[in-house]
Structure formats: structure tokens, C-alpha cells
Amino acid sequence: VVVANLDHLEPLLPPVQQLAVRHLDWGVRPEHYDLVGEALMQTLGVGSGQDSASVELREAWRVAYTALADAMKAAAYPAA
């Protein structure tokens, strides 16, 4: 869903914000989002070469993940 909507993430925000609030029940903390982001980027680095298309793909994923993670953290931890 994220890949198909890289250029239109806004409609995905309400459901991921709700998901973030549910993550609280599972003990998810703000720093976990950074760890997941790092793992995602490492995985993309392993699975792709160094050509310009793969660099663009990794950057698109970094931007998308950061936007979603920021929205999730803001929903789950509004005082932070």
C-alpha cells in the first residue's frame, strides 16, 4: 500500500495513526520506530545495487517511512 501511494501518503495517515495508538498496548516506544527505519533501509541496501534507480528507491522509502513514522509517533506520543 505504501509503495503504491508514495506520492499520496496523506490518505494513509489516519489508519497508521490509529495503528500507532494500538502499538502502545504492545509496548512500542518512540525509539522502536527509528530501529525499524534503520532495519528497513539496511534491507533495501542489501536488496539493491548502487545504480541511480536504487538510490532513488531508497530515498523514496526513507521519505515515506519517515513521514509515516513521524505521524505515528505524533499520534501515540502527543506530548513528546
Protein backbone atom coordinates (compact mmCIF):
# COMPACT_ATOMS: atom_id res chain seq x y z
CA VAL A 1 0.00 0.00 0.00
CA VAL A 2 2.81 2.41 0.85
CA VAL A 3 4.70 1.71 -2.37
CA ALA A 4 1.55 2.23 -4.44
CA ASN A 5 0.94 5.54 -2.68
CA LEU A 6 4.41 7.02 -2.31
CA ASP A 7 3.18 10.22 -3.92
CA HIS A 8 -0.07 10.35 -1.89
CA LEU A 9 0.68 9.37 1.70
CA GLU A 10 -1.92 11.69 3.24
CA PRO A 11 -4.84 9.25 2.89
CA LEU A 12 -2.79 6.63 4.73
CA LEU A 13 -2.17 8.84 7.77
CA PRO A 14 -5.42 8.31 9.73
CA PRO A 15 -5.18 4.49 9.66
CA VAL A 16 -1.48 4.48 10.57
CA GLN A 17 -2.14 6.94 13.39
CA GLN A 18 -4.80 4.59 14.76
CA LEU A 19 -2.34 1.73 14.39
CA ALA A 20 0.26 3.69 16.35
CA VAL A 21 -2.14 4.14 19.27
CA ARG A 22 -2.77 0.37 19.26
CA HIS A 23 1.01 -0.17 19.27
CA LEU A 24 1.07 1.38 22.75
CA ASP A 25 -0.67 -1.74 24.09
CA TRP A 26 2.20 -3.82 22.68
CA GLY A 27 4.86 -1.76 24.44
CA VAL A 28 6.13 0.07 21.38
CA ARG A 29 8.26 3.07 22.31
CA PRO A 30 9.32 6.02 20.13
CA GLU A 31 12.84 4.67 19.65
CA HIS A 32 11.43 1.49 18.12
CA TYR A 33 10.34 3.48 15.07
CA ASP A 34 13.94 4.53 14.46
CA LEU A 35 15.13 0.93 14.78
CA VAL A 36 12.54 -0.28 12.29
CA GLY A 37 13.52 2.51 9.90
CA GLU A 38 17.18 1.54 10.14
CA ALA A 39 16.32 -2.12 9.50
CA LEU A 40 14.21 -1.16 6.50
CA MET A 41 16.99 0.94 4.99
CA GLN A 42 19.56 -1.81 5.57
CA THR A 43 17.26 -4.33 3.94
CA LEU A 44 16.76 -2.08 0.93
CA GLY A 45 20.52 -1.58 0.70
CA VAL A 46 21.17 -5.31 0.65
CA GLY A 47 18.50 -5.99 -1.94
CA SER A 48 19.52 -3.28 -4.39
CA GLY A 49 22.61 -2.23 -6.26
CA GLN A 50 24.17 1.19 -6.38
CA ASP A 51 22.61 2.41 -9.63
CA SER A 52 20.65 5.66 -9.67
CA ALA A 53 17.28 3.87 -9.69
CA SER A 54 18.07 2.04 -6.48
CA VAL A 55 19.34 5.25 -4.86
CA GLU A 56 16.06 6.94 -5.80
CA LEU A 57 14.08 3.97 -4.49
CA ARG A 58 15.87 4.01 -1.14
CA GLU A 59 15.36 7.77 -0.85
CA ALA A 60 11.65 7.39 -1.65
CA TRP A 61 11.33 4.72 1.05
CA ARG A 62 13.27 6.88 3.53
CA VAL A 63 10.95 9.81 2.91
CA ALA A 64 7.82 7.64 3.07
CA TYR A 65 8.89 5.77 6.20
CA THR A 66 9.92 8.97 7.95
CA ALA A 67 6.57 10.62 7.16
CA LEU A 68 4.61 7.62 8.39
CA ALA A 69 6.76 7.10 11.49
CA ASP A 70 6.55 10.79 12.39
CA ALA A 71 2.76 10.71 12.04
CA MET A 72 2.58 7.55 14.13
CA LYS A 73 4.80 8.93 16.89
CA ALA A 74 2.80 12.18 16.98
CA ALA A 75 -0.44 10.22 17.37
CA ALA A 76 0.88 7.82 20.00
CA TYR A 77 3.01 10.28 21.96
CA PRO A 78 1.37 13.71 21.55
CA ALA A 79 3.23 15.27 24.48
CA ALA A 80 6.67 14.26 23.14
